[in-house]
Amino acid sequence: MKKTRIGIVGYGNLGKGVEAGLKHSPDLELTGIFTRRQPDQLETLSPAYSIDKLIDFKNSIDVLILCGGSQKDIPLQAPELAQTFNTVDTYDNHNEIPVHFERLDKVAKENKTVAVLSTGWDPGLFSLNRLIAEAIMPKGETYTFWGPGLSQGHSDAVRRVKGVKNAAQYTVPKKERVDKVKDKQPIHYNKKEAHKRVVYLVLEEGADESKVKEAIISMPDYFQGYETKITILDQDTLDKDHQGMPHGGTVIRQGKTTDENTAIYQFGLDLDSNPEFTAAVTIAYARAAARLAKERQYGAKTVFDIAPGYLSPESPEDLRRKLL
């Protein structure tokens, strides 16, 4: 069986997760890791190259998995790389996904490539399950609860506050609200009221604790409006207790099957490692991207556009026999 050849662009937590996860997929093989850093300074298990050399691998890579950030990397890299390669990304700026799709769709169709965008678990698997639940039960309410888990973006925002030496921030859903939804009780829902922020931080020497806390809880888009608990601790404790990257969450649909009867649709994740699981999702969609390219189904694709069978290394016949 000819293997699908994968390239990794970027070698942060996600890129490392893809490198490790590919070992579990014998139908895929890693051609190389492409980075803006000095390749010989990376501790990789696979060949690493300067991103400037990527074009030399045009005929040696079937799909690129883009592992950069959504704020600055993917919006620039994805349209450029989709001119030459089939790509998969994890773009997670929800409000900008329609714009990102249109930009990629144009480039990919013009260059006869496939560009799969916004994979991962939210956007991604959570999005897909919201669609399925709402299609099955058009009358109802959908609730998404994120966590409990460490937020890399929010932790970084706290670390940028003057007087903060280091920090870890967790998003925690309010259990009483989750329980009410599962018990088929109606609730008033918005994400700020349904979640709380828990912050553990190490102060710089001489920092004003009250000013630091005020700067955090008043931070727009991150903490303002949320119930926020801040705990001060020392660096050794932070290193010991808060270096993992667990996460997860739940999508719940309270839907009506008749005017009298309610059904609960629930999809949940409990992850020891957020980036490793996200990487696993991108790997499955890379397999799908390669298959779509062989079928000349060019253009941008989301999780809504790709049949589940394309994600599996199994044949359609085996899937019907084993799983249906």
C-alpha atoms as a PDB file:
ATOM      1  CA  MET A   1       0.000   0.000   0.000  1.00  0.00           C
ATOM      2  CA  LYS A   2       1.385   3.368  -0.991  1.00  0.00           C
ATOM      3  CA  LYS A   3       1.579   5.650   2.020  1.00  0.00           C
ATOM      4  CA  THR A   4       0.281   9.226   2.148  1.00  0.00           C
ATOM      5  CA  ARG A   5       3.215  11.600   2.651  1.00  0.00           C
ATOM      6  CA  ILE A   6       2.768  14.286   5.305  1.00  0.00           C
ATOM      7  CA  GLY A   7       4.657  17.512   5.958  1.00  0.00           C
ATOM      8  CA  ILE A   8       4.441  19.475   9.219  1.00  0.00           C
ATOM      9  CA  VAL A   9       4.700  23.270   9.152  1.00  0.00           C
ATOM     10  CA  GLY A  10       5.619  24.604  12.604  1.00  0.00           C
ATOM     11  CA  TYR A  11       6.995  22.716  15.582  1.00  0.00           C
ATOM     12  CA  GLY A  12       5.264  23.965  18.694  1.00  0.00           C
ATOM     13  CA  ASN A  13       3.010  21.825  20.884  1.00  0.00           C
ATOM     14  CA  LEU A  14       0.705  20.982  17.976  1.00  0.00           C
ATOM     15  CA  GLY A  15       3.528  20.123  15.597  1.00  0.00           C
ATOM     16  CA  LYS A  16       5.076  17.831  18.195  1.00  0.00           C
ATOM     17  CA  GLY A  17       1.686  16.181  18.649  1.00  0.00           C
ATOM     18  CA  VAL A  18       1.375  15.524  14.919  1.00  0.00           C
ATOM     19  CA  GLU A  19       4.869  14.053  14.767  1.00  0.00           C
ATOM     20  CA  ALA A  20       4.063  11.685  17.630  1.00  0.00           C
ATOM     21  CA  GLY A  21       0.550  10.848  16.415  1.00  0.00           C
ATOM     22  CA  LEU A  22       1.633   9.833  12.919  1.00  0.00           C
ATOM     23  CA  LYS A  23       3.298   6.764  14.430  1.00  0.00           C
ATOM     24  CA  HIS A  24      -0.185   5.383  15.081  1.00  0.00           C
ATOM     25  CA  SER A  25      -1.182   5.589  11.407  1.00  0.00           C
ATOM     26  CA  PRO A  26       0.721   3.039   9.288  1.00  0.00           C
ATOM     27  CA  ASP A  27      -0.917   4.342   6.109  1.00  0.00           C
ATOM     28  CA  LEU A  28       0.766   7.740   6.587  1.00  0.00           C
ATOM     29  CA  GLU A  29       4.428   8.727   6.701  1.00  0.00           C
ATOM     30  CA  LEU A  30       6.192  11.928   7.707  1.00  0.00           C
ATOM     31  CA  THR A  31       8.375  13.479   5.024  1.00  0.00           C
ATOM     32  CA  GLY A  32       9.666  16.302   7.176  1.00  0.00           C
ATOM     33  CA  ILE A  33       9.141  19.172   9.594  1.00  0.00           C
ATOM     34  CA  PHE A  34       9.417  22.714   8.240  1.00  0.00           C
ATOM     35  CA  THR A  35      10.234  25.565  10.599  1.00  0.00           C
ATOM     36  CA  ARG A  36      11.173  29.244  10.714  1.00  0.00           C
ATOM     37  CA  ARG A  37      13.691  28.422  13.434  1.00  0.00           C
ATOM     38  CA  GLN A  38      17.087  26.869  12.871  1.00  0.00           C
ATOM     39  CA  PRO A  39      16.279  23.214  12.087  1.00  0.00           C
ATOM     40  CA  ASP A  40      19.430  21.911  13.772  1.00  0.00           C
ATOM     41  CA  GLN A  41      18.359  23.574  17.025  1.00  0.00           C
ATOM     42  CA  LEU A  42      15.109  21.594  17.233  1.00  0.00           C
ATOM     43  CA  GLU A  43      14.923  18.349  19.190  1.00  0.00           C
ATOM     44  CA  THR A  44      12.871  16.423  16.646  1.00  0.00           C
ATOM     45  CA  LEU A  45      12.515  12.706  16.010  1.00  0.00           C
ATOM     46  CA  SER A  46      12.174  13.291  12.259  1.00  0.00           C
ATOM     47  CA  PRO A  47      14.041  15.260   9.579  1.00  0.00           C
ATOM     48  CA  ALA A  48      13.644  19.035   9.969  1.00  0.00           C
ATOM     49  CA  TYR A  49      14.177  21.701   7.324  1.00  0.00           C
ATOM     50  CA  SER A  50      13.962  25.440   6.945  1.00  0.00           C
ATOM     51  CA  ILE A  51      10.541  26.522   5.740  1.00  0.00           C
ATOM     52  CA  ASP A  52      12.363  28.243   2.878  1.00  0.00           C
ATOM     53  CA  LYS A  53      13.134  24.762   1.523  1.00  0.00           C
ATOM     54  CA  LEU A  54       9.484  23.679   1.463  1.00  0.00           C
ATOM     55  CA  ILE A  55       8.970  24.331  -2.249  1.00  0.00           C
ATOM     56  CA  ASP A  56      11.722  21.782  -2.986  1.00  0.00           C
ATOM     57  CA  PHE A  57       9.394  19.099  -1.574  1.00  0.00           C
ATOM     58  CA  LYS A  58       6.521  19.878  -3.923  1.00  0.00           C
ATOM     59  CA  ASN A  59       6.558  16.356  -5.353  1.00  0.00           C
ATOM     60  CA  SER A  60       7.401  14.612  -2.064  1.00  0.00           C
ATOM     61  CA  ILE A  61       4.459  15.719   0.093  1.00  0.00           C
ATOM     62  CA  ASP A  62       0.797  14.825  -0.383  1.00  0.00           C
ATOM     63  CA  VAL A  63      -0.617  16.952   2.473  1.00  0.00           C
ATOM     64  CA  LEU A  64       0.793  19.704   4.683  1.00  0.00           C
ATOM     65  CA  ILE A  65      -0.509  20.000   8.250  1.00  0.00           C
ATOM     66  CA  LEU A  66      -0.214  23.633   9.335  1.00  0.00           C
ATOM     67  CA  CYS A  67       0.629  23.845  13.036  1.00  0.00           C
ATOM     68  CA  GLY A  68       1.093  27.596  13.471  1.00  0.00           C
ATOM     69  CA  GLY A  69      -1.117  29.989  15.395  1.00  0.00           C
ATOM     70  CA  SER A  70      -4.485  31.313  14.270  1.00  0.00           C
ATOM     71  CA  GLN A  71      -3.717  34.941  15.044  1.00  0.00           C
ATOM     72  CA  LYS A  72      -0.781  35.539  12.712  1.00  0.00           C
ATOM     73  CA  ASP A  73       0.489  32.323  11.106  1.00  0.00           C
ATOM     74  CA  ILE A  74      -2.404  30.470   9.477  1.00  0.00           C
ATOM     75  CA  PRO A  75      -4.130  33.486   7.858  1.00  0.00           C
ATOM     76  CA  LEU A  76      -0.908  34.203   5.937  1.00  0.00           C
ATOM     77  CA  GLN A  77       0.499  30.705   5.452  1.00  0.00           C
ATOM     78  CA  ALA A  78      -2.620  28.791   4.448  1.00  0.00           C
ATOM     79  CA  PRO A  79      -3.533  30.753   1.262  1.00  0.00           C
ATOM     80  CA  GLU A  80       0.112  30.888   0.208  1.00  0.00           C
ATOM     81  CA  LEU A  81       0.815  27.186   0.733  1.00  0.00           C
ATOM     82  CA  ALA A  82      -2.521  26.101  -0.794  1.00  0.00           C
ATOM     83  CA  GLN A  83      -1.197  27.377  -4.116  1.00  0.00           C
ATOM     84  CA  THR A  84       1.174  24.410  -4.196  1.00  0.00           C
ATOM     85  CA  PHE A  85       0.122  21.850  -1.575  1.00  0.00           C
ATOM     86  CA  ASN A  86      -2.977  20.210  -0.169  1.00  0.00           C
ATOM     87  CA  THR A  87      -3.301  21.581   3.366  1.00  0.00           C
ATOM     88  CA  VAL A  88      -5.027  21.015   6.701  1.00  0.00           C
ATOM     89  CA  ASP A  89      -5.193  23.730   9.355  1.00  0.00           C
ATOM     90  CA  THR A  90      -6.678  24.342  12.810  1.00  0.00           C
ATOM     91  CA  TYR A  91      -7.814  27.945  12.341  1.00  0.00           C
ATOM     92  CA  ASP A  92      -9.975  28.705  15.384  1.00  0.00           C
ATOM     93  CA  ASN A  93     -11.010  32.350  15.114  1.00  0.00           C
ATOM     94  CA  HIS A  94     -14.718  31.491  14.869  1.00  0.00           C
ATOM     95  CA  ASN A  95     -15.868  34.910  13.663  1.00  0.00           C
ATOM     96  CA  GLU A  96     -13.345  34.954  10.819  1.00  0.00           C
ATOM     97  CA  ILE A  97     -13.823  31.390   9.571  1.00  0.00           C
ATOM     98  CA  PRO A  98     -16.178  32.420   6.702  1.00  0.00           C
ATOM     99  CA  VAL A  99     -13.569  34.885   5.409  1.00  0.00           C
ATOM    100  CA  HIS A 100     -10.785  32.309   5.803  1.00  0.00           C
ATOM    101  CA  PHE A 101     -12.897  29.768   3.891  1.00  0.00           C
ATOM    102  CA  GLU A 102     -13.606  32.097   0.965  1.00  0.00           C
ATOM    103  CA  ARG A 103      -9.954  33.069   0.649  1.00  0.00           C
ATOM    104  CA  LEU A 104      -8.785  29.447   0.706  1.00  0.00           C
ATOM    105  CA  ASP A 105     -11.536  28.210  -1.591  1.00  0.00           C
ATOM    106  CA  LYS A 106     -10.525  30.653  -4.307  1.00  0.00           C
ATOM    107  CA  VAL A 107      -6.830  29.787  -4.092  1.00  0.00           C
ATOM    108  CA  ALA A 108      -7.375  26.024  -3.879  1.00  0.00           C
ATOM    109  CA  LYS A 109      -9.765  25.871  -6.831  1.00  0.00           C
ATOM    110  CA  GLU A 110      -7.488  28.015  -8.975  1.00  0.00           C
ATOM    111  CA  ASN A 111      -4.499  25.769  -8.194  1.00  0.00           C
ATOM    112  CA  LYS A 112      -6.328  22.417  -8.029  1.00  0.00           C
ATOM    113  CA  THR A 113      -5.564  21.668  -4.407  1.00  0.00           C
ATOM    114  CA  VAL A 114      -7.602  20.743  -1.329  1.00  0.00           C
ATOM    115  CA  ALA A 115      -7.542  23.029   1.725  1.00  0.00           C
ATOM    116  CA  VAL A 116      -9.206  21.627   4.849  1.00  0.00           C
ATOM    117  CA  LEU A 117      -9.688  24.323   7.467  1.00  0.00           C
ATOM    118  CA  SER A 118     -10.680  24.694  11.119  1.00  0.00           C
ATOM    119  CA  THR A 119     -10.140  21.093  12.181  1.00  0.00           C
ATOM    120  CA  GLY A 120      -9.622  20.122  15.804  1.00  0.00           C
ATOM    121  CA  TRP A 121     -12.333  19.854  18.425  1.00  0.00           C
ATOM    122  CA  ASP A 122     -13.806  23.353  18.585  1.00  0.00           C
ATOM    123  CA  PRO A 123     -14.049  24.353  15.835  1.00  0.00           C
ATOM    124  CA  GLY A 124     -14.096  20.857  14.419  1.00  0.00           C
ATOM    125  CA  LEU A 125     -15.696  17.887  16.176  1.00  0.00           C
ATOM    126  CA  PHE A 126     -17.873  20.090  18.402  1.00  0.00           C
ATOM    127  CA  SER A 127     -19.063  21.974  15.317  1.00  0.00           C
ATOM    128  CA  LEU A 128     -19.959  18.716  13.587  1.00  0.00           C
ATOM    129  CA  ASN A 129     -21.896  17.454  16.593  1.00  0.00           C
ATOM    130  CA  ARG A 130     -23.801  20.724  16.929  1.00  0.00           C
ATOM    131  CA  LEU A 131     -24.840  20.332  13.288  1.00  0.00           C
ATOM    132  CA  ILE A 132     -25.929  16.696  13.713  1.00  0.00           C
ATOM    133  CA  ALA A 133     -27.882  17.378  16.896  1.00  0.00           C
ATOM    134  CA  GLU A 134     -29.704  20.379  15.437  1.00  0.00           C
ATOM    135  CA  ALA A 135     -30.482  18.540  12.187  1.00  0.00           C
ATOM    136  CA  ILE A 136     -31.994  15.625  14.102  1.00  0.00           C
ATOM    137  CA  MET A 137     -33.926  17.806  16.556  1.00  0.00           C
ATOM    138  CA  PRO A 138     -34.707  21.149  14.897  1.00  0.00           C
ATOM    139  CA  LYS A 139     -36.711  22.308  17.912  1.00  0.00           C
ATOM    140  CA  GLY A 140     -34.509  22.774  20.944  1.00  0.00           C
ATOM    141  CA  GLU A 141     -31.457  24.480  22.406  1.00  0.00           C
ATOM    142  CA  THR A 142     -27.763  23.673  22.023  1.00  0.00           C
ATOM    143  CA  TYR A 143     -25.315  24.308  24.863  1.00  0.00           C
ATOM    144  CA  THR A 144     -21.516  24.147  24.678  1.00  0.00           C
ATOM    145  CA  PHE A 145     -19.449  23.884  27.840  1.00  0.00           C
ATOM    146  CA  TRP A 146     -15.656  24.166  27.572  1.00  0.00           C
ATOM    147  CA  GLY A 147     -13.367  22.598  30.145  1.00  0.00           C
ATOM    148  CA  PRO A 148     -12.324  21.943  32.721  1.00  0.00           C
ATOM    149  CA  GLY A 149      -9.023  22.572  31.024  1.00  0.00           C
ATOM    150  CA  LEU A 150      -5.967  24.746  30.650  1.00  0.00           C
ATOM    151  CA  SER A 151      -6.283  27.537  28.109  1.00  0.00           C
ATOM    152  CA  GLN A 152      -2.971  28.281  26.402  1.00  0.00           C
ATOM    153  CA  GLY A 153      -4.217  31.596  25.012  1.00  0.00           C
ATOM    154  CA  HIS A 154      -5.621  32.858  28.304  1.00  0.00           C
ATOM    155  CA  SER A 155      -2.532  31.723  30.197  1.00  0.00           C
ATOM    156  CA  ASP A 156      -0.388  33.698  27.773  1.00  0.00           C
ATOM    157  CA  ALA A 157      -2.606  36.764  28.254  1.00  0.00           C
ATOM    158  CA  VAL A 158      -2.102  36.587  32.030  1.00  0.00           C
ATOM    159  CA  ARG A 159       1.657  36.226  31.640  1.00  0.00           C
ATOM    160  CA  ARG A 160       1.689  39.490  29.709  1.00  0.00           C
ATOM    161  CA  VAL A 161       0.231  41.421  32.652  1.00  0.00           C
ATOM    162  CA  LYS A 162       2.808  43.672  34.328  1.00  0.00           C
ATOM    163  CA  GLY A 163       3.998  42.072  37.554  1.00  0.00           C
ATOM    164  CA  VAL A 164       3.243  38.462  36.501  1.00  0.00           C
ATOM    165  CA  LYS A 165       6.232  36.134  36.280  1.00  0.00           C
ATOM    166  CA  ASN A 166       4.345  33.017  35.187  1.00  0.00           C
ATOM    167  CA  ALA A 167       0.756  31.765  35.092  1.00  0.00           C
ATOM    168  CA  ALA A 168      -1.690  29.017  34.181  1.00  0.00           C
ATOM    169  CA  GLN A 169      -5.388  29.655  33.515  1.00  0.00           C
ATOM    170  CA  TYR A 170      -8.184  27.083  33.496  1.00  0.00           C
ATOM    171  CA  THR A 171     -11.687  27.363  32.086  1.00  0.00           C
ATOM    172  CA  VAL A 172     -14.207  25.526  34.265  1.00  0.00           C
ATOM    173  CA  PRO A 173     -17.895  24.989  33.371  1.00  0.00           C
ATOM    174  CA  LYS A 174     -20.345  25.576  36.205  1.00  0.00           C
ATOM    175  CA  LYS A 175     -21.508  22.114  37.211  1.00  0.00           C
ATOM    176  CA  GLU A 176     -24.967  23.185  38.318  1.00  0.00           C
ATOM    177  CA  ARG A 177     -25.727  24.531  34.846  1.00  0.00           C
ATOM    178  CA  VAL A 178     -24.425  21.417  33.110  1.00  0.00           C
ATOM    179  CA  ASP A 179     -26.507  19.221  35.420  1.00  0.00           C
ATOM    180  CA  LYS A 180     -29.671  21.218  34.748  1.00  0.00           C
ATOM    181  CA  VAL A 181     -29.243  20.837  30.998  1.00  0.00           C
ATOM    182  CA  LYS A 182     -28.692  17.077  31.344  1.00  0.00           C
ATOM    183  CA  ASP A 183     -31.797  16.877  33.571  1.00  0.00           C
ATOM    184  CA  LYS A 184     -33.828  18.474  30.746  1.00  0.00           C
ATOM    185  CA  GLN A 185     -34.381  21.702  32.655  1.00  0.00           C
ATOM    186  CA  PRO A 186     -34.363  24.958  30.675  1.00  0.00           C
ATOM    187  CA  ILE A 187     -31.605  27.415  31.582  1.00  0.00           C
ATOM    188  CA  HIS A 188     -30.603  30.902  30.549  1.00  0.00           C
ATOM    189  CA  TYR A 189     -27.254  30.408  28.832  1.00  0.00           C
ATOM    190  CA  ASN A 190     -24.390  32.581  27.818  1.00  0.00           C
ATOM    191  CA  LYS A 191     -20.784  31.482  27.950  1.00  0.00           C
ATOM    192  CA  LYS A 192     -19.754  34.047  30.584  1.00  0.00           C
ATOM    193  CA  GLU A 193     -22.437  32.935  33.029  1.00  0.00           C
ATOM    194  CA  ALA A 194     -21.854  29.245  32.289  1.00  0.00           C
ATOM    195  CA  HIS A 195     -18.102  29.222  32.943  1.00  0.00           C
ATOM    196  CA  LYS A 196     -15.620  30.497  35.460  1.00  0.00           C
ATOM    197  CA  ARG A 197     -11.940  31.327  35.118  1.00  0.00           C
ATOM    198  CA  VAL A 198      -9.399  29.907  37.561  1.00  0.00           C
ATOM    199  CA  VAL A 199      -5.956  31.516  37.512  1.00  0.00           C
ATOM    200  CA  TYR A 200      -2.754  30.367  39.210  1.00  0.00           C
ATOM    201  CA  LEU A 201       0.089  32.829  39.001  1.00  0.00           C
ATOM    202  CA  VAL A 202       3.569  33.647  40.223  1.00  0.00           C
ATOM    203  CA  LEU A 203       4.245  37.322  40.941  1.00  0.00           C
ATOM    204  CA  GLU A 204       7.380  39.203  40.024  1.00  0.00           C
ATOM    205  CA  GLU A 205       9.367  40.326  43.034  1.00  0.00           C
ATOM    206  CA  GLY A 206       7.897  43.603  44.346  1.00  0.00           C
ATOM    207  CA  ALA A 207       4.722  43.376  42.240  1.00  0.00           C
ATOM    208  CA  ASP A 208       1.532  44.915  43.602  1.00  0.00           C
ATOM    209  CA  GLU A 209      -0.826  41.961  44.054  1.00  0.00           C
ATOM    210  CA  SER A 210      -4.018  44.034  44.063  1.00  0.00           C
ATOM    211  CA  LYS A 211      -3.075  45.844  40.835  1.00  0.00           C
ATOM    212  CA  VAL A 212      -2.174  42.590  39.130  1.00  0.00           C
ATOM    213  CA  LYS A 213      -5.490  41.010  40.092  1.00  0.00           C
ATOM    214  CA  GLU A 214      -7.446  44.054  38.941  1.00  0.00           C
ATOM    215  CA  ALA A 215      -5.633  44.073  35.593  1.00  0.00           C
ATOM    216  CA  ILE A 216      -6.586  40.421  35.073  1.00  0.00           C
ATOM    217  CA  ILE A 217     -10.255  40.501  36.043  1.00  0.00           C
ATOM    218  CA  SER A 218     -10.860  43.660  33.984  1.00  0.00           C
ATOM    219  CA  MET A 219      -9.196  42.307  30.816  1.00  0.00           C
ATOM    220  CA  PRO A 220     -11.694  42.612  27.915  1.00  0.00           C
ATOM    221  CA  ASP A 221     -12.512  39.460  25.900  1.00  0.00           C
ATOM    222  CA  TYR A 222     -10.609  37.264  28.354  1.00  0.00           C
ATOM    223  CA  PHE A 223     -11.816  37.794  31.938  1.00  0.00           C
ATOM    224  CA  GLN A 224     -14.137  40.778  32.069  1.00  0.00           C
ATOM    225  CA  GLY A 225     -17.643  39.585  32.932  1.00  0.00           C
ATOM    226  CA  TYR A 226     -16.516  36.128  34.084  1.00  0.00           C
ATOM    227  CA  GLU A 227     -16.438  34.813  37.629  1.00  0.00           C
ATOM    228  CA  THR A 228     -12.667  34.696  38.164  1.00  0.00           C
ATOM    229  CA  LYS A 229     -10.667  33.139  40.987  1.00  0.00           C
ATOM    230  CA  ILE A 230      -6.974  34.054  41.280  1.00  0.00           C
ATOM    231  CA  THR A 231      -4.494  32.113  43.415  1.00  0.00           C
ATOM    232  CA  ILE A 232      -0.931  33.280  44.078  1.00  0.00           C
ATOM    233  CA  LEU A 233       1.695  30.563  44.395  1.00  0.00           C
ATOM    234  CA  ASP A 234       5.435  30.040  43.989  1.00  0.00           C
ATOM    235  CA  GLN A 235       7.234  28.897  40.833  1.00  0.00           C
ATOM    236  CA  ASP A 236       8.027  25.419  42.165  1.00  0.00           C
ATOM    237  CA  THR A 237       4.346  24.736  42.858  1.00  0.00           C
ATOM    238  CA  LEU A 238       3.321  26.038  39.443  1.00  0.00           C
ATOM    239  CA  ASP A 239       5.928  23.821  37.786  1.00  0.00           C
ATOM    240  CA  LYS A 240       4.807  20.798  39.801  1.00  0.00           C
ATOM    241  CA  ASP A 241       1.037  21.116  39.490  1.00  0.00           C
ATOM    242  CA  HIS A 242       0.285  23.091  36.326  1.00  0.00           C
ATOM    243  CA  GLN A 243       2.540  22.017  33.456  1.00  0.00           C
ATOM    244  CA  GLY A 244       0.134  19.589  31.812  1.00  0.00           C
ATOM    245  CA  MET A 245      -2.301  20.676  29.091  1.00  0.00           C
ATOM    246  CA  PRO A 246      -5.576  18.870  29.848  1.00  0.00           C
ATOM    247  CA  HIS A 247      -8.825  20.108  28.322  1.00  0.00           C
ATOM    248  CA  GLY A 248     -12.183  18.975  27.041  1.00  0.00           C
ATOM    249  CA  GLY A 249     -15.810  19.912  27.111  1.00  0.00           C
ATOM    250  CA  THR A 250     -19.326  18.931  26.167  1.00  0.00           C
ATOM    251  CA  VAL A 251     -21.902  19.754  23.501  1.00  0.00           C
ATOM    252  CA  ILE A 252     -25.456  19.133  24.723  1.00  0.00           C
ATOM    253  CA  ARG A 253     -28.652  19.507  22.710  1.00  0.00           C
ATOM    254  CA  GLN A 254     -32.004  19.633  24.509  1.00  0.00           C
ATOM    255  CA  GLY A 255     -34.337  18.773  21.683  1.00  0.00           C
ATOM    256  CA  LYS A 256     -38.015  18.051  21.229  1.00  0.00           C
ATOM    257  CA  THR A 257     -39.011  14.812  19.507  1.00  0.00           C
ATOM    258  CA  THR A 258     -42.674  15.759  20.014  1.00  0.00           C
ATOM    259  CA  ASP A 259     -44.194  18.761  21.744  1.00  0.00           C
ATOM    260  CA  GLU A 260     -44.288  16.690  24.946  1.00  0.00           C
ATOM    261  CA  ASN A 261     -41.070  14.661  24.868  1.00  0.00           C
ATOM    262  CA  THR A 262     -37.483  15.874  25.214  1.00  0.00           C
ATOM    263  CA  ALA A 263     -34.321  14.074  24.138  1.00  0.00           C
ATOM    264  CA  ILE A 264     -30.738  14.835  25.176  1.00  0.00           C
ATOM    265  CA  TYR A 265     -27.938  14.587  22.611  1.00  0.00           C
ATOM    266  CA  GLN A 266     -24.508  14.734  24.220  1.00  0.00           C
ATOM    267  CA  PHE A 267     -20.943  14.684  22.886  1.00  0.00           C
ATOM    268  CA  GLY A 268     -18.042  15.096  25.273  1.00  0.00           C
ATOM    269  CA  LEU A 269     -14.252  15.033  25.441  1.00  0.00           C
ATOM    270  CA  ASP A 270     -11.886  14.539  28.378  1.00  0.00           C
ATOM    271  CA  LEU A 271      -8.320  15.117  27.180  1.00  0.00           C
ATOM    272  CA  ASP A 272      -5.033  14.582  28.984  1.00  0.00           C
ATOM    273  CA  SER A 273      -3.373  16.678  26.270  1.00  0.00           C
ATOM    274  CA  ASN A 274      -5.225  19.276  24.251  1.00  0.00           C
ATOM    275  CA  PRO A 275      -2.528  19.672  21.535  1.00  0.00           C
ATOM    276  CA  GLU A 276      -2.023  15.918  21.142  1.00  0.00           C
ATOM    277  CA  PHE A 277      -5.740  15.286  20.616  1.00  0.00           C
ATOM    278  CA  THR A 278      -6.020  18.249  18.248  1.00  0.00           C
ATOM    279  CA  ALA A 279      -3.077  16.797  16.336  1.00  0.00           C
ATOM    280  CA  ALA A 280      -4.865  13.437  16.113  1.00  0.00           C
ATOM    281  CA  VAL A 281      -7.872  15.142  14.522  1.00  0.00           C
ATOM    282  CA  THR A 282      -5.699  16.934  11.956  1.00  0.00           C
ATOM    283  CA  ILE A 283      -4.042  13.641  11.019  1.00  0.00           C
ATOM    284  CA  ALA A 284      -7.406  12.044  10.231  1.00  0.00           C
ATOM    285  CA  TYR A 285      -8.392  15.043   8.110  1.00  0.00           C
ATOM    286  CA  ALA A 286      -5.032  14.945   6.326  1.00  0.00           C
ATOM    287  CA  ARG A 287      -5.940  11.410   5.233  1.00  0.00           C
ATOM    288  CA  ALA A 288      -9.255  12.782   3.969  1.00  0.00           C
ATOM    289  CA  ALA A 289      -7.568  15.668   2.154  1.00  0.00           C
ATOM    290  CA  ALA A 290      -5.326  13.265   0.237  1.00  0.00           C
ATOM    291  CA  ARG A 291      -8.330  11.192  -0.836  1.00  0.00           C
ATOM    292  CA  LEU A 292     -10.296  14.234  -1.938  1.00  0.00           C
ATOM    293  CA  ALA A 293      -7.325  15.437  -3.974  1.00  0.00           C
ATOM    294  CA  LYS A 294      -7.111  12.077  -5.761  1.00  0.00           C
ATOM    295  CA  GLU A 295     -10.790  12.432  -6.616  1.00  0.00           C
ATOM    296  CA  ARG A 296     -10.166  16.003  -7.835  1.00  0.00           C
ATOM    297  CA  GLN A 297     -12.596  17.455  -5.329  1.00  0.00           C
ATOM    298  CA  TYR A 298     -10.606  20.675  -5.165  1.00  0.00           C
ATOM    299  CA  GLY A 299     -11.312  23.723  -3.026  1.00  0.00           C
ATOM    300  CA  ALA A 300     -11.737  24.560   0.645  1.00  0.00           C
ATOM    301  CA  LYS A 301     -13.439  22.003   2.890  1.00  0.00           C
ATOM    302  CA  THR A 302     -14.665  22.024   6.480  1.00  0.00           C
ATOM    303  CA  VAL A 303     -15.745  19.170   8.752  1.00  0.00           C
ATOM    304  CA  PHE A 304     -19.269  19.739   7.389  1.00  0.00           C
ATOM    305  CA  ASP A 305     -18.167  18.867   3.848  1.00  0.00           C
ATOM    306  CA  ILE A 306     -16.188  15.655   4.399  1.00  0.00           C
ATOM    307  CA  ALA A 307     -17.869  12.255   4.739  1.00  0.00           C
ATOM    308  CA  PRO A 308     -16.749  10.363   7.876  1.00  0.00           C
ATOM    309  CA  GLY A 309     -15.499   7.424   5.849  1.00  0.00           C
ATOM    310  CA  TYR A 310     -12.762   9.587   4.353  1.00  0.00           C
ATOM    311  CA  LEU A 311     -11.184   9.939   7.816  1.00  0.00           C
ATOM    312  CA  SER A 312     -10.582   6.223   8.300  1.00  0.00           C
ATOM    313  CA  PRO A 313      -7.754   4.105   6.887  1.00  0.00           C
ATOM    314  CA  GLU A 314     -10.299   1.270   6.505  1.00  0.00           C
ATOM    315  CA  SER A 315     -12.000   0.570   3.188  1.00  0.00           C
ATOM    316  CA  PRO A 316     -15.727   1.327   2.808  1.00  0.00           C
ATOM    317  CA  GLU A 317     -16.390  -2.434   2.735  1.00  0.00           C
ATOM    318  CA  ASP A 318     -14.533  -2.994   6.019  1.00  0.00           C
ATOM    319  CA  LEU A 319     -16.246  -0.038   7.668  1.00  0.00           C
ATOM    320  CA  ARG A 320     -19.664  -1.391   6.747  1.00  0.00           C
ATOM    321  CA  ARG A 321     -18.738  -4.832   8.035  1.00  0.00           C
ATOM    322  CA  LYS A 322     -17.061  -3.719  11.296  1.00  0.00           C
ATOM    323  CA  LEU A 323     -18.827  -0.551  12.411  1.00  0.00           C
ATOM    324  CA  LEU A 324     -22.226  -0.170  10.785  1.00  0.00           C
END
